[in-house]
Every structure is written in structure tokens, then in C-alpha cells.
Amino acid sequence: DGEALTTTESVVAGVPIKLPMVDVHTVSAGGGSV
């Protein structure tokens, strides 16, 4: 509905961070990924 979804259940680099964050999922598949 035109708005980015947020979550408070994120784990970044193995560290749970329970703050409002955009609901982003990251994978190591970039242009420079070896």
C-alpha cells in the first residue's frame, strides 16, 4: 500500500536488534561477490 514494511525482529550479523527497521533481507550476491 505504498509504504515500506518495518519489523522489530531483525538479526544483523548474528546480533538481534529489536528496534524498528525496514523489513530488509540481505544476501551476499552483489556485483563484487566472489
Full PDB file with SEQRES, HELIX, SHEET, SSBOND, CRYST1, ORIGX, SCALE, CONECT and MASTER records, all heavy atoms in Angstrom:
SEQRES   1 A   34  ASP GLY GLU ALA LEU THR THR THR GLU SER VAL VAL ALA          
SEQRES   2 A   34  GLY VAL PRO ILE LYS LEU PRO MET VAL ASP VAL HIS THR          
SEQRES   3 A   34  VAL SER ALA GLY GLY GLY SER VAL                              
SHEET    1 AA1 2 THR A   6  THR A   7  0                                        
SHEET    2 AA1 2 MET A  21  VAL A  22 -1                                        
SHEET    1 AA2 2 SER A  10  VAL A  12  0                                        
SHEET    2 AA2 2 VAL A  15  ILE A  17 -1                                        
CRYST1    1.000    1.000    1.000  90.00  90.00  90.00 P 1           1          
ORIGX1      1.000000  0.000000  0.000000        0.00000                         
ORIGX2      0.000000  1.000000  0.000000        0.00000                         
ORIGX3      0.000000  0.000000  1.000000        0.00000                         
SCALE1      1.000000  0.000000  0.000000        0.00000                         
SCALE2      0.000000  1.000000  0.000000        0.00000                         
SCALE3      0.000000  0.000000  1.000000        0.00000                         
ATOM      1  N   ASP A   1       0.821  -1.207   0.000  1.00  0.00           N  
ATOM      2  CA  ASP A   1       0.000   0.000   0.000  1.00  0.00           C  
ATOM      3  C   ASP A   1       0.858   1.262   0.000  1.00  0.00           C  
ATOM      4  O   ASP A   1       0.541   2.262   0.652  1.00  0.00           O  
ATOM      5  CB  ASP A   1      -0.939   0.008   1.211  1.00  0.00           C  
ATOM      6  CG  ASP A   1      -1.943  -1.136   1.171  1.00  0.00           C  
ATOM      7  OD1 ASP A   1      -2.328  -1.534   0.060  1.00  0.00           O  
ATOM      8  OD2 ASP A   1      -2.311  -1.638   2.253  1.00  0.00           O  
ATOM      9  N   GLY A   2       1.979   1.200  -0.712  1.00  0.00           N  
ATOM     10  CA  GLY A   2       2.835   2.372  -0.880  1.00  0.00           C  
ATOM     11  C   GLY A   2       3.781   2.644   0.264  1.00  0.00           C  
ATOM     12  O   GLY A   2       4.519   3.629   0.224  1.00  0.00           O  
ATOM     13  N   GLU A   3       3.793   1.797   1.303  1.00  0.00           N  
ATOM     14  CA  GLU A   3       4.644   2.036   2.460  1.00  0.00           C  
ATOM     15  C   GLU A   3       5.566   0.851   2.700  1.00  0.00           C  
ATOM     16  O   GLU A   3       5.149  -0.313   2.587  1.00  0.00           O  
ATOM     17  CB  GLU A   3       3.810   2.288   3.720  1.00  0.00           C  
ATOM     18  CG  GLU A   3       3.035   3.595   3.689  1.00  0.00           C  
ATOM     19  CD  GLU A   3       2.421   3.916   5.035  1.00  0.00           C  
ATOM     20  OE1 GLU A   3       2.787   3.250   6.029  1.00  0.00           O  
ATOM     21  OE2 GLU A   3       1.575   4.819   5.093  1.00  0.00           O  
ATOM     22  N   ALA A   4       6.809   1.157   3.043  1.00  0.00           N  
ATOM     23  CA  ALA A   4       7.763   0.108   3.372  1.00  0.00           C  
ATOM     24  C   ALA A   4       7.355  -0.556   4.685  1.00  0.00           C  
ATOM     25  O   ALA A   4       7.032   0.125   5.661  1.00  0.00           O  
ATOM     26  CB  ALA A   4       9.167   0.699   3.497  1.00  0.00           C  
ATOM     27  N   LEU A   5       7.373  -1.875   4.708  1.00  0.00           N  
ATOM     28  CA  LEU A   5       7.053  -2.594   5.940  1.00  0.00           C  
ATOM     29  C   LEU A   5       8.253  -2.541   6.878  1.00  0.00           C  
ATOM     30  O   LEU A   5       9.409  -2.586   6.449  1.00  0.00           O  
ATOM     31  CB  LEU A   5       6.703  -4.051   5.631  1.00  0.00           C  
ATOM     32  CG  LEU A   5       5.489  -4.290   4.729  1.00  0.00           C  
ATOM     33  CD1 LEU A   5       5.178  -5.780   4.638  1.00  0.00           C  
ATOM     34  CD2 LEU A   5       4.274  -3.527   5.234  1.00  0.00           C  
ATOM     35  N   THR A   6       7.973  -2.440   8.169  1.00  0.00           N  
ATOM     36  CA  THR A   6       9.039  -2.431   9.167  1.00  0.00           C  
ATOM     37  C   THR A   6       8.866  -3.611  10.110  1.00  0.00           C  
ATOM     38  O   THR A   6       7.795  -4.196  10.211  1.00  0.00           O  
ATOM     39  CB  THR A   6       9.046  -1.119   9.981  1.00  0.00           C  
ATOM     40  OG1 THR A   6       7.771  -0.952  10.625  1.00  0.00           O  
ATOM     41  CG2 THR A   6       9.327   0.077   9.088  1.00  0.00           C  
ATOM     42  N   THR A   7       9.942  -3.946  10.802  1.00  0.00           N  
ATOM     43  CA  THR A   7       9.925  -5.056  11.747  1.00  0.00           C  
ATOM     44  C   THR A   7      10.796  -4.705  12.937  1.00  0.00           C  
ATOM     45  O   THR A   7      11.667  -3.835  12.845  1.00  0.00           O  
ATOM     46  CB  THR A   7      10.444  -6.342  11.082  1.00  0.00           C  
ATOM     47  OG1 THR A   7      10.423  -7.420  12.027  1.00  0.00           O  
ATOM     48  CG2 THR A   7      11.868  -6.171  10.571  1.00  0.00           C  
ATOM     49  N   THR A   8      10.572  -5.370  14.053  1.00  0.00           N  
ATOM     50  CA  THR A   8      11.451  -5.233  15.222  1.00  0.00           C  
ATOM     51  C   THR A   8      12.104  -6.573  15.541  1.00  0.00           C  
ATOM     52  O   THR A   8      12.557  -6.791  16.660  1.00  0.00           O  
ATOM     53  CB  THR A   8      10.667  -4.734  16.456  1.00  0.00           C  
ATOM     54  OG1 THR A   8       9.586  -5.646  16.731  1.00  0.00           O  
ATOM     55  CG2 THR A   8      10.113  -3.347  16.227  1.00  0.00           C  
ATOM     56  N   GLU A   9      12.149  -7.463  14.568  1.00  0.00           N  
ATOM     57  CA  GLU A   9      12.684  -8.806  14.783  1.00  0.00           C  
ATOM     58  C   GLU A   9      13.946  -9.044  13.962  1.00  0.00           C  
ATOM     59  O   GLU A   9      14.223 -10.169  13.558  1.00  0.00           O  
ATOM     60  CB  GLU A   9      11.625  -9.858  14.418  1.00  0.00           C  
ATOM     61  CG  GLU A   9      10.305  -9.707  15.155  1.00  0.00           C  
ATOM     62  CD  GLU A   9      10.436  -9.931  16.653  1.00  0.00           C  
ATOM     63  OE1 GLU A   9      11.325 -10.725  17.050  1.00  0.00           O  
ATOM     64  OE2 GLU A   9       9.679  -9.317  17.415  1.00  0.00           O  
ATOM     65  N   SER A  10      14.736  -8.026  13.718  1.00  0.00           N  
ATOM     66  CA  SER A  10      15.905  -8.166  12.850  1.00  0.00           C  
ATOM     67  C   SER A  10      17.093  -8.784  13.588  1.00  0.00           C  
ATOM     68  O   SER A  10      17.291  -8.567  14.782  1.00  0.00           O  
ATOM     69  CB  SER A  10      16.322  -6.800  12.295  1.00  0.00           C  
ATOM     70  OG  SER A  10      15.313  -6.272  11.467  1.00  0.00           O  
ATOM     71  N   VAL A  11      17.870  -9.549  12.838  1.00  0.00           N  
ATOM     72  CA  VAL A  11      19.147 -10.077  13.308  1.00  0.00           C  
ATOM     73  C   VAL A  11      20.198  -9.639  12.295  1.00  0.00           C  
ATOM     74  O   VAL A  11      20.127 -10.007  11.117  1.00  0.00           O  
ATOM     75  CB  VAL A  11      19.129 -11.611  13.438  1.00  0.00           C  
ATOM     76  CG1 VAL A  11      20.503 -12.125  13.873  1.00  0.00           C  
ATOM     77  CG2 VAL A  11      18.061 -12.057  14.428  1.00  0.00           C  
ATOM     78  N   VAL A  12      21.163  -8.846  12.738  1.00  0.00           N  
ATOM     79  CA  VAL A  12      22.198  -8.309  11.853  1.00  0.00           C  
ATOM     80  C   VAL A  12      23.539  -8.878  12.286  1.00  0.00           C  
ATOM     81  O   VAL A  12      23.965  -8.692  13.419  1.00  0.00           O  
ATOM     82  CB  VAL A  12      22.233  -6.770  11.900  1.00  0.00           C  
ATOM     83  CG1 VAL A  12      23.289  -6.237  10.938  1.00  0.00           C  
ATOM     84  CG2 VAL A  12      20.866  -6.188  11.560  1.00  0.00           C  
ATOM     85  N   ALA A  13      24.183  -9.593  11.384  1.00  0.00           N  
ATOM     86  CA  ALA A  13      25.476 -10.219  11.666  1.00  0.00           C  
ATOM     87  C   ALA A  13      25.412 -11.096  12.916  1.00  0.00           C  
ATOM     88  O   ALA A  13      26.351 -11.139  13.708  1.00  0.00           O  
ATOM     89  CB  ALA A  13      26.559  -9.153  11.815  1.00  0.00           C  
ATOM     90  N   GLY A  14      24.287 -11.789  13.087  1.00  0.00           N  
ATOM     91  CA  GLY A  14      24.131 -12.678  14.220  1.00  0.00           C  
ATOM     92  C   GLY A  14      23.728 -12.004  15.509  1.00  0.00           C  
ATOM     93  O   GLY A  14      23.622 -12.661  16.550  1.00  0.00           O  
ATOM     94  N   VAL A  15      23.469 -10.685  15.457  1.00  0.00           N  
ATOM     95  CA  VAL A  15      23.134  -9.919  16.661  1.00  0.00           C  
ATOM     96  C   VAL A  15      21.670  -9.479  16.582  1.00  0.00           C  
ATOM     97  O   VAL A  15      21.310  -8.690  15.706  1.00  0.00           O  
ATOM     98  CB  VAL A  15      24.043  -8.681  16.797  1.00  0.00           C  
ATOM     99  CG1 VAL A  15      23.676  -7.879  18.042  1.00  0.00           C  
ATOM    100  CG2 VAL A  15      25.504  -9.097  16.833  1.00  0.00           C  
ATOM    101  N   PRO A  16      20.804  -9.970  17.467  1.00  0.00           N  
ATOM    102  CA  PRO A  16      19.413  -9.487  17.479  1.00  0.00           C  
ATOM    103  C   PRO A  16      19.364  -8.005  17.851  1.00  0.00           C  
ATOM    104  O   PRO A  16      19.962  -7.591  18.848  1.00  0.00           O  
ATOM    105  CB  PRO A  16      18.742 -10.350  18.556  1.00  0.00           C  
ATOM    106  CG  PRO A  16      19.627 -11.537  18.727  1.00  0.00           C  
ATOM    107  CD  PRO A  16      21.019 -11.050  18.454  1.00  0.00           C  
ATOM    108  N   ILE A  17      18.668  -7.218  17.034  1.00  0.00           N  
ATOM    109  CA  ILE A  17      18.496  -5.791  17.306  1.00  0.00           C  
ATOM    110  C   ILE A  17      17.009  -5.501  17.219  1.00  0.00           C  
ATOM    111  O   ILE A  17      16.442  -5.459  16.132  1.00  0.00           O  
ATOM    112  CB  ILE A  17      19.305  -4.923  16.331  1.00  0.00           C  
ATOM    113  CG1 ILE A  17      20.798  -5.231  16.490  1.00  0.00           C  
ATOM    114  CG2 ILE A  17      19.035  -3.443  16.573  1.00  0.00           C  
ATOM    115  CD1 ILE A  17      21.697  -4.425  15.602  1.00  0.00           C  
ATOM    116  N   LYS A  18      16.383  -5.291  18.366  1.00  0.00           N  
ATOM    117  CA  LYS A  18      14.922  -5.185  18.444  1.00  0.00           C  
ATOM    118  C   LYS A  18      14.460  -3.734  18.354  1.00  0.00           C  
ATOM    119  O   LYS A  18      13.785  -3.217  19.236  1.00  0.00           O  
ATOM    120  CB  LYS A  18      14.424  -5.838  19.735  1.00  0.00           C  
ATOM    121  CG  LYS A  18      12.964  -6.284  19.688  1.00  0.00           C  
ATOM    122  CD  LYS A  18      12.568  -7.003  20.964  1.00  0.00           C  
ATOM    123  CE  LYS A  18      11.196  -7.601  20.938  1.00  0.00           C  
ATOM    124  NZ  LYS A  18      10.155  -6.828  20.327  1.00  0.00           N  
ATOM    125  N   LEU A  19      14.855  -3.076  17.275  1.00  0.00           N  
ATOM    126  CA  LEU A  19      14.452  -1.698  17.018  1.00  0.00           C  
ATOM    127  C   LEU A  19      13.708  -1.653  15.687  1.00  0.00           C  
ATOM    128  O   LEU A  19      13.899  -2.526  14.833  1.00  0.00           O  
ATOM    129  CB  LEU A  19      15.683  -0.784  16.961  1.00  0.00           C  
ATOM    130  CG  LEU A  19      16.451  -0.595  18.268  1.00  0.00           C  
ATOM    131  CD1 LEU A  19      17.756   0.150  18.008  1.00  0.00           C  
ATOM    132  CD2 LEU A  19      15.622   0.140  19.297  1.00  0.00           C  
ATOM    133  N   PRO A  20      12.856  -0.652  15.470  1.00  0.00           N  
ATOM    134  CA  PRO A  20      12.153  -0.571  14.190  1.00  0.00           C  
ATOM    135  C   PRO A  20      13.123  -0.461  13.020  1.00  0.00           C  
ATOM    136  O   PRO A  20      14.000   0.404  13.001  1.00  0.00           O  
ATOM    137  CB  PRO A  20      11.310   0.700  14.326  1.00  0.00           C  
ATOM    138  CG  PRO A  20      11.157   0.910  15.797  1.00  0.00           C  
ATOM    139  CD  PRO A  20      12.439   0.419  16.402  1.00  0.00           C  
ATOM    140  N   MET A  21      12.989  -1.376  12.056  1.00  0.00           N  
ATOM    141  CA  MET A  21      13.827  -1.377  10.859  1.00  0.00           C  
ATOM    142  C   MET A  21      12.967  -1.726   9.657  1.00  0.00           C  
ATOM    143  O   MET A  21      11.989  -2.462   9.786  1.00  0.00           O  
ATOM    144  CB  MET A  21      14.946  -2.426  10.965  1.00  0.00           C  
ATOM    145  CG  MET A  21      15.915  -2.222  12.109  1.00  0.00           C  
ATOM    146  SD  MET A  21      17.266  -3.427  12.006  1.00  0.00           S  
ATOM    147  CE  MET A  21      18.188  -2.989  13.486  1.00  0.00           C  
ATOM    148  N   VAL A  22      13.353  -1.200   8.496  1.00  0.00           N  
ATOM    149  CA  VAL A  22      12.690  -1.648   7.283  1.00  0.00           C  
ATOM    150  C   VAL A  22      12.906  -3.151   7.172  1.00  0.00           C  
ATOM    151  O   VAL A  22      13.955  -3.674   7.541  1.00  0.00           O  
ATOM    152  CB  VAL A  22      13.236  -0.923   6.036  1.00  0.00           C  
ATOM    153  CG1 VAL A  22      12.818   0.526   6.027  1.00  0.00           C  
ATOM    154  CG2 VAL A  22      14.747  -1.056   5.939  1.00  0.00           C  
ATOM    155  N   ASP A  23      11.884  -3.854   6.696  1.00  0.00           N  
ATOM    156  CA  ASP A  23      11.929  -5.310   6.659  1.00  0.00           C  
ATOM    157  C   ASP A  23      12.763  -5.758   5.464  1.00  0.00           C  
ATOM    158  O   ASP A  23      12.247  -6.159   4.423  1.00  0.00           O  
ATOM    159  CB  ASP A  23      10.504  -5.870   6.579  1.00  0.00           C  
ATOM    160  CG  ASP A  23      10.462  -7.367   6.829  1.00  0.00           C  
ATOM    161  OD1 ASP A  23      11.515  -7.949   7.150  1.00  0.00           O  
ATOM    162  OD2 ASP A  23       9.369  -7.950   6.699  1.00  0.00           O  
ATOM    163  N   VAL A  24      14.083  -5.677   5.625  1.00  0.00           N  
ATOM    164  CA  VAL A  24      15.022  -5.984   4.546  1.00  0.00           C  
ATOM    165  C   VAL A  24      15.673  -7.332   4.812  1.00  0.00           C  
ATOM    166  O   VAL A  24      16.052  -7.639   5.942  1.00  0.00           O  
ATOM    167  CB  VAL A  24      16.108  -4.891   4.443  1.00  0.00           C  
ATOM    168  CG1 VAL A  24      17.235  -5.331   3.528  1.00  0.00           C  
ATOM    169  CG2 VAL A  24      15.513  -3.596   3.920  1.00  0.00           C  
ATOM    170  N   HIS A  25      15.790  -8.133   3.761  1.00  0.00           N  
ATOM    171  CA  HIS A  25      16.566  -9.375   3.852  1.00  0.00           C  
ATOM    172  C   HIS A  25      17.744  -9.251   2.903  1.00  0.00           C  
ATOM    173  O   HIS A  25      17.583  -8.941   1.723  1.00  0.00           O  
ATOM    174  CB  HIS A  25      15.717 -10.589   3.492  1.00  0.00           C  
ATOM    175  CG  HIS A  25      16.436 -11.891   3.699  1.00  0.00           C  
ATOM    176  ND1 HIS A  25      16.652 -12.420   4.953  1.00  0.00           N  
ATOM    177  CD2 HIS A  25      17.011 -12.753   2.821  1.00  0.00           C  
ATOM    178  CE1 HIS A  25      17.305 -13.557   4.845  1.00  0.00           C  
ATOM    179  NE2 HIS A  25      17.545 -13.778   3.566  1.00  0.00           N  
ATOM    180  N   THR A  26      18.940  -9.499   3.417  1.00  0.00           N  
ATOM    181  CA  THR A  26      20.167  -9.300   2.662  1.00  0.00           C  
ATOM    182  C   THR A  26      20.846 -10.632   2.373  1.00  0.00           C  
ATOM    183  O   THR A  26      20.935 -11.489   3.247  1.00  0.00           O  
ATOM    184  CB  THR A  26      21.140  -8.392   3.438  1.00  0.00           C  
ATOM    185  OG1 THR A  26      20.506  -7.134   3.692  1.00  0.00           O  
ATOM    186  CG2 THR A  26      22.416  -8.152   2.655  1.00  0.00           C  
ATOM    187  N   VAL A  27      21.327 -10.794   1.145  1.00  0.00           N  
ATOM    188  CA  VAL A  27      22.119 -11.967   0.781  1.00  0.00           C  
ATOM    189  C   VAL A  27      23.405 -11.486   0.121  1.00  0.00           C  
ATOM    190  O   VAL A  27      23.470 -10.396  -0.457  1.00  0.00           O  
ATOM    191  CB  VAL A  27      21.356 -12.914  -0.171  1.00  0.00           C  
ATOM    192  CG1 VAL A  27      20.195 -13.565   0.539  1.00  0.00           C  
ATOM    193  CG2 VAL A  27      20.886 -12.182  -1.421  1.00  0.00           C  
ATOM    194  N   SER A  28      24.435 -12.314   0.223  1.00  0.00           N  
ATOM    195  CA  SER A  28      25.749 -11.927  -0.313  1.00  0.00           C  
ATOM    196  C   SER A  28      25.833 -12.263  -1.795  1.00  0.00           C  
ATOM    197  O   SER A  28      26.573 -13.156  -2.216  1.00  0.00           O  
ATOM    198  CB  SER A  28      26.857 -12.647   0.463  1.00  0.00           C  
ATOM    199  OG  SER A  28      26.640 -14.053   0.448  1.00  0.00           O  
ATOM    200  N   ALA A  29      25.047 -11.552  -2.586  1.00  0.00           N  
ATOM    201  CA  ALA A  29      25.054 -11.735  -4.035  1.00  0.00           C  
ATOM    202  C   ALA A  29      25.069 -10.364  -4.685  1.00  0.00           C  
ATOM    203  O   ALA A  29      24.064  -9.901  -5.213  1.00  0.00           O  
ATOM    204  CB  ALA A  29      23.836 -12.541  -4.489  1.00  0.00           C  
ATOM    205  N   GLY A  30      26.194  -9.696  -4.606  1.00  0.00           N  
ATOM    206  CA  GLY A  30      26.353  -8.393  -5.238  1.00  0.00           C  
ATOM    207  C   GLY A  30      27.238  -8.505  -6.463  1.00  0.00           C  
ATOM    208  O   GLY A  30      27.771  -9.575  -6.787  1.00  0.00           O  
ATOM    209  N   GLY A  31      27.401  -7.392  -7.144  1.00  0.00           N  
ATOM    210  CA  GLY A  31      28.245  -7.405  -8.330  1.00  0.00           C  
ATOM    211  C   GLY A  31      29.669  -7.812  -8.030  1.00  0.00           C  
ATOM    212  O   GLY A  31      30.346  -8.417  -8.868  1.00  0.00           O  
ATOM    213  N   GLY A  32      30.152  -7.492  -6.835  1.00  0.00           N  
ATOM    214  CA  GLY A  32      31.521  -7.830  -6.463  1.00  0.00           C  
ATOM    215  C   GLY A  32      31.660  -9.140  -5.725  1.00  0.00           C  
ATOM    216  O   GLY A  32      32.770  -9.497  -5.291  1.00  0.00           O  
ATOM    217  N   SER A  33      30.565  -9.889  -5.548  1.00  0.00           N  
ATOM    218  CA  SER A  33      30.635 -11.165  -4.835  1.00  0.00           C  
ATOM    219  C   SER A  33      31.527 -12.143  -5.597  1.00  0.00           C  
ATOM    220  O   SER A  33      31.374 -12.342  -6.806  1.00  0.00           O  
ATOM    221  CB  SER A  33      29.238 -11.760  -4.650  1.00  0.00           C  
ATOM    222  OG  SER A  33      28.467 -10.944  -3.789  1.00  0.00           O  
ATOM    223  N   VAL A  34      32.438 -12.765  -4.877  1.00  0.00           N  
ATOM    224  CA  VAL A  34      33.454 -13.624  -5.495  1.00  0.00           C  
ATOM    225  C   VAL A  34      32.895 -15.021  -5.738  1.00  0.00           C  
ATOM    226  O   VAL A  34      32.267 -15.621  -4.859  1.00  0.00           O  
ATOM    227  CB  VAL A  34      34.702 -13.695  -4.601  1.00  0.00           C  
ATOM    228  CG1 VAL A  34      35.696 -14.732  -5.129  1.00  0.00           C  
ATOM    229  CG2 VAL A  34      35.361 -12.322  -4.512  1.00  0.00           C  
TER     230      VAL A  34                                                      
MASTER        0    0    0    0    4    0    0    6  229    1    0    3          
END                                                                             
